[in-house]
Amino acid sequence: MAADKPLLDKPVKGWRSDLGGPNEAPKGQLFAIGEPPNHVDDTYLEVHFATLWGRGVLMWLCLPQILITVLCIPQWMNDGWLALLLLDGGSTALCIWLSVLAVRSDIAPPRDEPIRFNRKRRKVYVYRFHYCWWNPFSRTRWGVKPVSFDWDDLRAESWGQMGIAAGGIAGAWGVDIAVVEPGTNHVIDRFRLAGSNTDGINLWAIARTYMQQGPDALPKWPYPPRDWNNDVGLNLARKLAPRVKWPAGMDIESRSAP
């Protein structure tokens, strides 16, 4: 579904196009690209999602900032600490804020943020992680808050954004899912289906095909799914990240038929 103007009253930032509705038959071929589904059977399909791509990088990049901050403390104590504190306090506070934000961004998100499509219940369950970039010290603004939505209330939008990065102009793109009030185009919630490193349009077509036709209509991936909870390799950030643990009631509901 392509149009010159957004269908929804609150389009995603960087809107490019509205994709097919949840009950519209996908057009074209489906491709087995990206990560294979975590699980697929006749009841539910679970796909992988990650808030942060390339995790583990930020915590190492902030290491020099941490060392500089630690080395400044003896200088304050031994040589006019009050004047130095007033002079360097702002830059030191910024270093601390950036360091905490970088480390927490790497280790706070769970090892996976799966999305479950239950075709028997016609519902979608999102293991959604929340973060607050301006307050990396908060306990309540960071964490997983799983939610569920009715399949018929979902609308997909593709987006693209350009920005300045080291070396020139960089782009980002993906697919977001808007949740609308039943029978309207009024957006009441939103979650990301795929970011820049996944073909979100293809993934949305896979989800629609599964919900409409079942698992036999999906393409076959050439390799098995990854065990995101246990397959962490040598990545320190992934080792420190929490495992996926759905609330007991939602876990049973999302994997079962009514």
C-alpha atoms as a PDB file:
ATOM      1  CA  MET A   1       0.000   0.000   0.000  1.00  0.00           C
ATOM      2  CA  ALA A   2       1.906   3.038  -1.256  1.00  0.00           C
ATOM      3  CA  ALA A   3       0.539   6.561  -1.164  1.00  0.00           C
ATOM      4  CA  ASP A   4       1.710  10.158  -1.433  1.00  0.00           C
ATOM      5  CA  LYS A   5       0.448  10.975   2.056  1.00  0.00           C
ATOM      6  CA  PRO A   6       0.510   8.996   5.306  1.00  0.00           C
ATOM      7  CA  LEU A   7      -2.610   7.017   6.132  1.00  0.00           C
ATOM      8  CA  LEU A   8      -2.299   7.483   9.906  1.00  0.00           C
ATOM      9  CA  ASP A   9      -2.905  10.673  11.857  1.00  0.00           C
ATOM     10  CA  LYS A  10       0.498  10.338  13.551  1.00  0.00           C
ATOM     11  CA  PRO A  11       2.893   8.975  10.924  1.00  0.00           C
ATOM     12  CA  VAL A  12       6.257   7.599  11.960  1.00  0.00           C
ATOM     13  CA  LYS A  13       9.180  10.015  11.865  1.00  0.00           C
ATOM     14  CA  GLY A  14      10.810   9.853   8.443  1.00  0.00           C
ATOM     15  CA  TRP A  15       7.696   8.251   6.917  1.00  0.00           C
ATOM     16  CA  ARG A  16       8.188   6.816   3.440  1.00  0.00           C
ATOM     17  CA  SER A  17       5.201   4.596   2.811  1.00  0.00           C
ATOM     18  CA  ASP A  18       2.326   2.686   4.379  1.00  0.00           C
ATOM     19  CA  LEU A  19       2.651  -1.058   3.956  1.00  0.00           C
ATOM     20  CA  GLY A  20      -0.101  -3.581   3.423  1.00  0.00           C
ATOM     21  CA  GLY A  21      -2.700  -3.987   6.154  1.00  0.00           C
ATOM     22  CA  PRO A  22      -2.717  -6.976   8.507  1.00  0.00           C
ATOM     23  CA  ASN A  23      -5.363  -8.813   6.501  1.00  0.00           C
ATOM     24  CA  GLU A  24      -4.212  -7.835   3.006  1.00  0.00           C
ATOM     25  CA  ALA A  25      -2.529 -10.635   1.077  1.00  0.00           C
ATOM     26  CA  PRO A  26       1.209  -9.947   0.616  1.00  0.00           C
ATOM     27  CA  LYS A  27       2.377  -9.447  -2.953  1.00  0.00           C
ATOM     28  CA  GLY A  28       5.587 -10.822  -4.376  1.00  0.00           C
ATOM     29  CA  GLN A  29       8.059 -13.383  -3.149  1.00  0.00           C
ATOM     30  CA  LEU A  30       9.084 -13.896   0.469  1.00  0.00           C
ATOM     31  CA  PHE A  31      12.800 -14.137   1.199  1.00  0.00           C
ATOM     32  CA  ALA A  32      14.616 -16.103   3.898  1.00  0.00           C
ATOM     33  CA  ILE A  33      16.981 -13.264   4.828  1.00  0.00           C
ATOM     34  CA  GLY A  34      18.192 -11.975   8.154  1.00  0.00           C
ATOM     35  CA  GLU A  35      17.858 -14.021  11.317  1.00  0.00           C
ATOM     36  CA  PRO A  36      15.543 -17.036  11.063  1.00  0.00           C
ATOM     37  CA  PRO A  37      12.494 -17.057  13.348  1.00  0.00           C
ATOM     38  CA  ASN A  38      13.213 -18.052  16.937  1.00  0.00           C
ATOM     39  CA  HIS A  39      10.216 -20.379  16.763  1.00  0.00           C
ATOM     40  CA  VAL A  40       7.453 -21.239  14.342  1.00  0.00           C
ATOM     41  CA  ASP A  41       4.570 -23.685  14.558  1.00  0.00           C
ATOM     42  CA  ASP A  42       0.856 -23.634  13.800  1.00  0.00           C
ATOM     43  CA  THR A  43       0.104 -21.528  16.906  1.00  0.00           C
ATOM     44  CA  TYR A  44       2.733 -18.809  17.034  1.00  0.00           C
ATOM     45  CA  LEU A  45       5.671 -17.282  15.221  1.00  0.00           C
ATOM     46  CA  GLU A  46       8.447 -15.617  17.231  1.00  0.00           C
ATOM     47  CA  VAL A  47      10.935 -13.289  15.531  1.00  0.00           C
ATOM     48  CA  HIS A  48      14.102 -11.688  16.840  1.00  0.00           C
ATOM     49  CA  PHE A  49      14.522  -7.981  17.498  1.00  0.00           C
ATOM     50  CA  ALA A  50      17.344  -5.941  19.053  1.00  0.00           C
ATOM     51  CA  THR A  51      17.232  -2.314  20.165  1.00  0.00           C
ATOM     52  CA  LEU A  52      20.982  -1.923  19.732  1.00  0.00           C
ATOM     53  CA  TRP A  53      22.950  -3.251  16.790  1.00  0.00           C
ATOM     54  CA  GLY A  54      26.608  -4.081  17.397  1.00  0.00           C
ATOM     55  CA  ARG A  55      26.263  -4.084  21.165  1.00  0.00           C
ATOM     56  CA  GLY A  56      29.447  -4.094  23.184  1.00  0.00           C
ATOM     57  CA  VAL A  57      31.011  -1.196  21.280  1.00  0.00           C
ATOM     58  CA  LEU A  58      29.769   1.698  23.400  1.00  0.00           C
ATOM     59  CA  MET A  59      31.075   0.388  26.723  1.00  0.00           C
ATOM     60  CA  TRP A  60      34.589   0.086  25.321  1.00  0.00           C
ATOM     61  CA  LEU A  61      34.482   3.483  23.636  1.00  0.00           C
ATOM     62  CA  CYS A  62      33.623   5.147  26.947  1.00  0.00           C
ATOM     63  CA  LEU A  63      36.562   3.520  28.795  1.00  0.00           C
ATOM     64  CA  PRO A  64      38.899   6.523  28.190  1.00  0.00           C
ATOM     65  CA  GLN A  65      36.262   8.843  29.659  1.00  0.00           C
ATOM     66  CA  ILE A  66      36.052   6.717  32.788  1.00  0.00           C
ATOM     67  CA  LEU A  67      39.845   6.676  33.187  1.00  0.00           C
ATOM     68  CA  ILE A  68      40.093  10.452  32.768  1.00  0.00           C
ATOM     69  CA  THR A  69      37.420  10.989  35.416  1.00  0.00           C
ATOM     70  CA  VAL A  70      39.138   8.666  37.883  1.00  0.00           C
ATOM     71  CA  LEU A  71      42.518  10.316  37.305  1.00  0.00           C
ATOM     72  CA  CYS A  72      41.031  13.771  37.956  1.00  0.00           C
ATOM     73  CA  ILE A  73      39.953  12.906  41.514  1.00  0.00           C
ATOM     74  CA  PRO A  74      43.482  12.847  43.064  1.00  0.00           C
ATOM     75  CA  GLN A  75      44.207  16.155  41.359  1.00  0.00           C
ATOM     76  CA  TRP A  76      41.182  17.726  43.060  1.00  0.00           C
ATOM     77  CA  MET A  77      42.227  16.333  46.423  1.00  0.00           C
ATOM     78  CA  ASN A  78      45.868  17.434  46.332  1.00  0.00           C
ATOM     79  CA  ASP A  79      46.024  20.705  44.412  1.00  0.00           C
ATOM     80  CA  GLY A  80      43.329  23.291  44.914  1.00  0.00           C
ATOM     81  CA  TRP A  81      40.493  20.802  44.663  1.00  0.00           C
ATOM     82  CA  LEU A  82      37.740  23.392  44.998  1.00  0.00           C
ATOM     83  CA  ALA A  83      38.987  25.549  42.113  1.00  0.00           C
ATOM     84  CA  LEU A  84      39.605  22.528  39.924  1.00  0.00           C
ATOM     85  CA  LEU A  85      36.232  21.108  40.814  1.00  0.00           C
ATOM     86  CA  LEU A  86      34.519  24.357  39.817  1.00  0.00           C
ATOM     87  CA  LEU A  87      36.559  24.540  36.616  1.00  0.00           C
ATOM     88  CA  ASP A  88      36.341  20.920  35.551  1.00  0.00           C
ATOM     89  CA  GLY A  89      33.126  19.906  37.286  1.00  0.00           C
ATOM     90  CA  GLY A  90      30.930  20.469  34.248  1.00  0.00           C
ATOM     91  CA  SER A  91      33.120  18.475  31.869  1.00  0.00           C
ATOM     92  CA  THR A  92      33.586  15.728  34.452  1.00  0.00           C
ATOM     93  CA  ALA A  93      29.837  15.478  35.045  1.00  0.00           C
ATOM     94  CA  LEU A  94      29.350  15.204  31.285  1.00  0.00           C
ATOM     95  CA  CYS A  95      31.935  12.420  31.114  1.00  0.00           C
ATOM     96  CA  ILE A  96      30.187  10.541  33.923  1.00  0.00           C
ATOM     97  CA  TRP A  97      26.772  10.960  32.266  1.00  0.00           C
ATOM     98  CA  LEU A  98      28.078   9.776  28.879  1.00  0.00           C
ATOM     99  CA  SER A  99      29.909   6.843  30.445  1.00  0.00           C
ATOM    100  CA  VAL A 100      26.895   5.613  32.402  1.00  0.00           C
ATOM    101  CA  LEU A 101      24.655   6.056  29.357  1.00  0.00           C
ATOM    102  CA  ALA A 102      27.057   4.119  27.125  1.00  0.00           C
ATOM    103  CA  VAL A 103      27.550   1.233  29.547  1.00  0.00           C
ATOM    104  CA  ARG A 104      23.871   0.947  30.414  1.00  0.00           C
ATOM    105  CA  SER A 105      22.827   1.126  26.747  1.00  0.00           C
ATOM    106  CA  ASP A 106      25.066  -1.866  26.084  1.00  0.00           C
ATOM    107  CA  ILE A 107      24.183  -4.102  29.032  1.00  0.00           C
ATOM    108  CA  ALA A 108      20.635  -3.119  30.052  1.00  0.00           C
ATOM    109  CA  PRO A 109      18.681  -4.334  26.973  1.00  0.00           C
ATOM    110  CA  PRO A 110      17.852  -8.049  27.177  1.00  0.00           C
ATOM    111  CA  ARG A 111      19.706 -10.557  25.018  1.00  0.00           C
ATOM    112  CA  ASP A 112      16.723 -10.635  22.702  1.00  0.00           C
ATOM    113  CA  GLU A 113      13.529  -8.593  22.384  1.00  0.00           C
ATOM    114  CA  PRO A 114      11.271 -11.134  20.671  1.00  0.00           C
ATOM    115  CA  ILE A 115       7.936 -10.447  19.032  1.00  0.00           C
ATOM    116  CA  ARG A 116       5.348 -13.249  19.006  1.00  0.00           C
ATOM    117  CA  PHE A 117       2.560 -13.487  16.441  1.00  0.00           C
ATOM    118  CA  ASN A 118      -0.176 -15.810  17.739  1.00  0.00           C
ATOM    119  CA  ARG A 119      -2.433 -16.762  14.839  1.00  0.00           C
ATOM    120  CA  LYS A 120      -4.893 -18.707  16.997  1.00  0.00           C
ATOM    121  CA  ARG A 121      -5.622 -15.753  19.257  1.00  0.00           C
ATOM    122  CA  ARG A 122      -4.949 -13.148  16.530  1.00  0.00           C
ATOM    123  CA  LYS A 123      -2.739 -11.218  18.883  1.00  0.00           C
ATOM    124  CA  VAL A 124       0.841  -9.966  18.894  1.00  0.00           C
ATOM    125  CA  TYR A 125       3.057 -10.010  22.001  1.00  0.00           C
ATOM    126  CA  VAL A 126       6.015  -7.630  22.186  1.00  0.00           C
ATOM    127  CA  TYR A 127       8.869  -8.054  24.664  1.00  0.00           C
ATOM    128  CA  ARG A 128       9.441  -4.312  24.631  1.00  0.00           C
ATOM    129  CA  PHE A 129      12.443  -2.639  26.223  1.00  0.00           C
ATOM    130  CA  HIS A 130      12.226   0.983  27.391  1.00  0.00           C
ATOM    131  CA  TYR A 131      15.188   3.282  27.930  1.00  0.00           C
ATOM    132  CA  CYS A 132      15.695   6.968  28.774  1.00  0.00           C
ATOM    133  CA  TRP A 133      18.756   8.530  27.141  1.00  0.00           C
ATOM    134  CA  TRP A 134      18.607  11.711  29.208  1.00  0.00           C
ATOM    135  CA  ASN A 135      18.433   9.874  32.545  1.00  0.00           C
ATOM    136  CA  PRO A 136      20.741   6.852  32.522  1.00  0.00           C
ATOM    137  CA  PHE A 137      20.572   6.695  36.339  1.00  0.00           C
ATOM    138  CA  SER A 138      16.819   6.024  36.497  1.00  0.00           C
ATOM    139  CA  ARG A 139      15.545   2.700  37.801  1.00  0.00           C
ATOM    140  CA  THR A 140      11.970   3.057  36.589  1.00  0.00           C
ATOM    141  CA  ARG A 141      12.542   4.457  33.086  1.00  0.00           C
ATOM    142  CA  TRP A 142      14.731   1.533  31.988  1.00  0.00           C
ATOM    143  CA  GLY A 143      13.503  -2.028  31.662  1.00  0.00           C
ATOM    144  CA  VAL A 144      11.300  -4.534  29.860  1.00  0.00           C
ATOM    145  CA  LYS A 145       7.545  -3.975  29.780  1.00  0.00           C
ATOM    146  CA  PRO A 146       5.902  -6.699  27.662  1.00  0.00           C
ATOM    147  CA  VAL A 147       2.671  -5.724  25.938  1.00  0.00           C
ATOM    148  CA  SER A 148       0.096  -7.389  23.687  1.00  0.00           C
ATOM    149  CA  PHE A 149      -2.033  -6.005  20.858  1.00  0.00           C
ATOM    150  CA  ASP A 150      -4.849  -7.235  18.635  1.00  0.00           C
ATOM    151  CA  TRP A 151      -3.587  -8.195  15.188  1.00  0.00           C
ATOM    152  CA  ASP A 152      -6.366  -6.300  13.399  1.00  0.00           C
ATOM    153  CA  ASP A 153      -5.284  -3.014  15.032  1.00  0.00           C
ATOM    154  CA  LEU A 154      -1.756  -3.035  13.600  1.00  0.00           C
ATOM    155  CA  ARG A 155      -0.540  -0.833  10.724  1.00  0.00           C
ATOM    156  CA  ALA A 156       2.971  -0.938   9.276  1.00  0.00           C
ATOM    157  CA  GLU A 157       4.995   2.033   8.017  1.00  0.00           C
ATOM    158  CA  SER A 158       8.423   2.155   6.423  1.00  0.00           C
ATOM    159  CA  TRP A 159      10.692   5.048   7.364  1.00  0.00           C
ATOM    160  CA  GLY A 160      14.061   6.484   6.459  1.00  0.00           C
ATOM    161  CA  GLN A 161      16.242   9.156   8.036  1.00  0.00           C
ATOM    162  CA  MET A 162      19.507  10.824   7.113  1.00  0.00           C
ATOM    163  CA  GLY A 163      22.037  12.279   9.514  1.00  0.00           C
ATOM    164  CA  ILE A 164      25.636  13.370   9.937  1.00  0.00           C
ATOM    165  CA  ALA A 165      28.092  10.746  11.121  1.00  0.00           C
ATOM    166  CA  ALA A 166      31.852  10.353  11.187  1.00  0.00           C
ATOM    167  CA  GLY A 167      33.064  10.431   7.615  1.00  0.00           C
ATOM    168  CA  GLY A 168      29.960  11.977   6.074  1.00  0.00           C
ATOM    169  CA  ILE A 169      26.224  11.478   5.784  1.00  0.00           C
ATOM    170  CA  ALA A 170      24.683   8.281   7.163  1.00  0.00           C
ATOM    171  CA  GLY A 171      21.223   6.848   6.678  1.00  0.00           C
ATOM    172  CA  ALA A 172      18.909   4.678   8.708  1.00  0.00           C
ATOM    173  CA  TRP A 173      15.722   2.917   7.720  1.00  0.00           C
ATOM    174  CA  GLY A 174      13.284   0.369   9.019  1.00  0.00           C
ATOM    175  CA  VAL A 175       9.657  -0.560   9.655  1.00  0.00           C
ATOM    176  CA  ASP A 176       7.551   0.504  12.630  1.00  0.00           C
ATOM    177  CA  ILE A 177       4.197  -0.955  13.648  1.00  0.00           C
ATOM    178  CA  ALA A 178       1.519   1.494  14.762  1.00  0.00           C
ATOM    179  CA  VAL A 179      -1.373   0.404  16.962  1.00  0.00           C
ATOM    180  CA  VAL A 180      -4.628   2.192  16.141  1.00  0.00           C
ATOM    181  CA  GLU A 181      -7.957   2.525  17.841  1.00  0.00           C
ATOM    182  CA  PRO A 182     -10.293  -0.078  16.304  1.00  0.00           C
ATOM    183  CA  GLY A 183     -11.943   1.201  13.141  1.00  0.00           C
ATOM    184  CA  THR A 184      -9.863   4.400  12.991  1.00  0.00           C
ATOM    185  CA  ASN A 185      -6.485   5.696  11.839  1.00  0.00           C
ATOM    186  CA  HIS A 186      -5.731   7.188  15.262  1.00  0.00           C
ATOM    187  CA  VAL A 187      -2.394   5.926  16.588  1.00  0.00           C
ATOM    188  CA  ILE A 188      -2.371   4.990  20.273  1.00  0.00           C
ATOM    189  CA  ASP A 189       0.922   3.096  20.467  1.00  0.00           C
ATOM    190  CA  ARG A 190       3.859   2.040  18.359  1.00  0.00           C
ATOM    191  CA  PHE A 191       6.712  -0.461  18.330  1.00  0.00           C
ATOM    192  CA  ARG A 192       9.584  -1.227  16.002  1.00  0.00           C
ATOM    193  CA  LEU A 193       9.524  -4.352  13.874  1.00  0.00           C
ATOM    194  CA  ALA A 194      12.871  -3.954  12.160  1.00  0.00           C
ATOM    195  CA  GLY A 195      15.722  -1.458  12.061  1.00  0.00           C
ATOM    196  CA  SER A 196      18.398  -0.621   9.562  1.00  0.00           C
ATOM    197  CA  ASN A 197      20.004  -4.051   9.446  1.00  0.00           C
ATOM    198  CA  THR A 198      16.888  -6.044   8.649  1.00  0.00           C
ATOM    199  CA  ASP A 199      14.592  -6.049   5.641  1.00  0.00           C
ATOM    200  CA  GLY A 200      11.518  -4.902   7.540  1.00  0.00           C
ATOM    201  CA  ILE A 201       9.221  -4.882   4.509  1.00  0.00           C
ATOM    202  CA  ASN A 202       9.979  -8.556   3.913  1.00  0.00           C
ATOM    203  CA  LEU A 203       9.560  -9.335   7.624  1.00  0.00           C
ATOM    204  CA  TRP A 204       6.135  -7.664   7.716  1.00  0.00           C
ATOM    205  CA  ALA A 205       5.129  -9.706   4.650  1.00  0.00           C
ATOM    206  CA  ILE A 206       6.306 -12.856   6.447  1.00  0.00           C
ATOM    207  CA  ALA A 207       4.245 -11.987   9.525  1.00  0.00           C
ATOM    208  CA  ARG A 208       1.128 -11.350   7.416  1.00  0.00           C
ATOM    209  CA  THR A 209       1.639 -14.552   5.443  1.00  0.00           C
ATOM    210  CA  TYR A 210       1.995 -16.550   8.644  1.00  0.00           C
ATOM    211  CA  MET A 211      -1.100 -15.016  10.243  1.00  0.00           C
ATOM    212  CA  GLN A 212      -3.178 -15.580   7.108  1.00  0.00           C
ATOM    213  CA  GLN A 213      -1.867 -18.909   5.792  1.00  0.00           C
ATOM    214  CA  GLY A 214       0.154 -20.590   8.530  1.00  0.00           C
ATOM    215  CA  PRO A 215       3.752 -21.829   8.813  1.00  0.00           C
ATOM    216  CA  ASP A 216       3.792 -23.940   5.639  1.00  0.00           C
ATOM    217  CA  ALA A 217       3.621 -20.782   3.506  1.00  0.00           C
ATOM    218  CA  LEU A 218       6.849 -19.337   4.937  1.00  0.00           C
ATOM    219  CA  PRO A 219      10.258 -19.618   3.253  1.00  0.00           C
ATOM    220  CA  LYS A 220      12.850 -22.002   4.679  1.00  0.00           C
ATOM    221  CA  TRP A 221      16.013 -20.565   6.209  1.00  0.00           C
ATOM    222  CA  PRO A 222      19.251 -22.425   5.410  1.00  0.00           C
ATOM    223  CA  TYR A 223      20.393 -22.424   9.057  1.00  0.00           C
ATOM    224  CA  PRO A 224      18.724 -22.983  12.442  1.00  0.00           C
ATOM    225  CA  PRO A 225      17.632 -20.181  14.800  1.00  0.00           C
ATOM    226  CA  ARG A 226      20.066 -18.778  17.327  1.00  0.00           C
ATOM    227  CA  ASP A 227      19.699 -19.380  21.050  1.00  0.00           C
ATOM    228  CA  TRP A 228      19.815 -15.732  22.075  1.00  0.00           C
ATOM    229  CA  ASN A 229      19.696 -16.439  25.814  1.00  0.00           C
ATOM    230  CA  ASN A 230      22.759 -18.678  25.826  1.00  0.00           C
ATOM    231  CA  ASP A 231      24.706 -18.054  22.615  1.00  0.00           C
ATOM    232  CA  VAL A 232      26.646 -14.953  23.740  1.00  0.00           C
ATOM    233  CA  GLY A 233      30.143 -15.883  22.575  1.00  0.00           C
ATOM    234  CA  LEU A 234      32.914 -13.608  23.875  1.00  0.00           C
ATOM    235  CA  ASN A 235      30.775 -10.466  23.882  1.00  0.00           C
ATOM    236  CA  LEU A 236      31.021  -9.050  27.411  1.00  0.00           C
ATOM    237  CA  ALA A 237      27.962  -6.814  26.961  1.00  0.00           C
ATOM    238  CA  ARG A 238      25.809  -9.788  25.946  1.00  0.00           C
ATOM    239  CA  LYS A 239      27.118 -11.817  28.897  1.00  0.00           C
ATOM    240  CA  LEU A 240      26.071  -9.044  31.288  1.00  0.00           C
ATOM    241  CA  ALA A 241      22.695  -8.470  29.610  1.00  0.00           C
ATOM    242  CA  PRO A 242      19.583 -10.043  31.210  1.00  0.00           C
ATOM    243  CA  ARG A 243      18.032 -13.151  29.703  1.00  0.00           C
ATOM    244  CA  VAL A 244      14.584 -13.082  28.145  1.00  0.00           C
ATOM    245  CA  LYS A 245      11.967 -13.972  30.746  1.00  0.00           C
ATOM    246  CA  TRP A 246       8.342 -13.393  29.803  1.00  0.00           C
ATOM    247  CA  PRO A 247       5.794 -12.914  32.587  1.00  0.00           C
ATOM    248  CA  ALA A 248       4.452 -16.380  33.346  1.00  0.00           C
ATOM    249  CA  GLY A 249       0.849 -15.679  32.352  1.00  0.00           C
ATOM    250  CA  MET A 250       1.775 -13.873  29.134  1.00  0.00           C
ATOM    251  CA  ASP A 251       4.280 -16.578  28.227  1.00  0.00           C
ATOM    252  CA  ILE A 252       1.615 -19.272  28.409  1.00  0.00           C
ATOM    253  CA  GLU A 253      -1.003 -17.189  26.643  1.00  0.00           C
ATOM    254  CA  SER A 254       1.292 -16.131  23.789  1.00  0.00           C
ATOM    255  CA  ARG A 255       2.295 -19.743  23.056  1.00  0.00           C
ATOM    256  CA  SER A 256      -1.149 -21.334  23.227  1.00  0.00           C
ATOM    257  CA  ALA A 257      -4.541 -21.357  21.545  1.00  0.00           C
ATOM    258  CA  PRO A 258      -7.680 -20.002  23.252  1.00  0.00           C
END
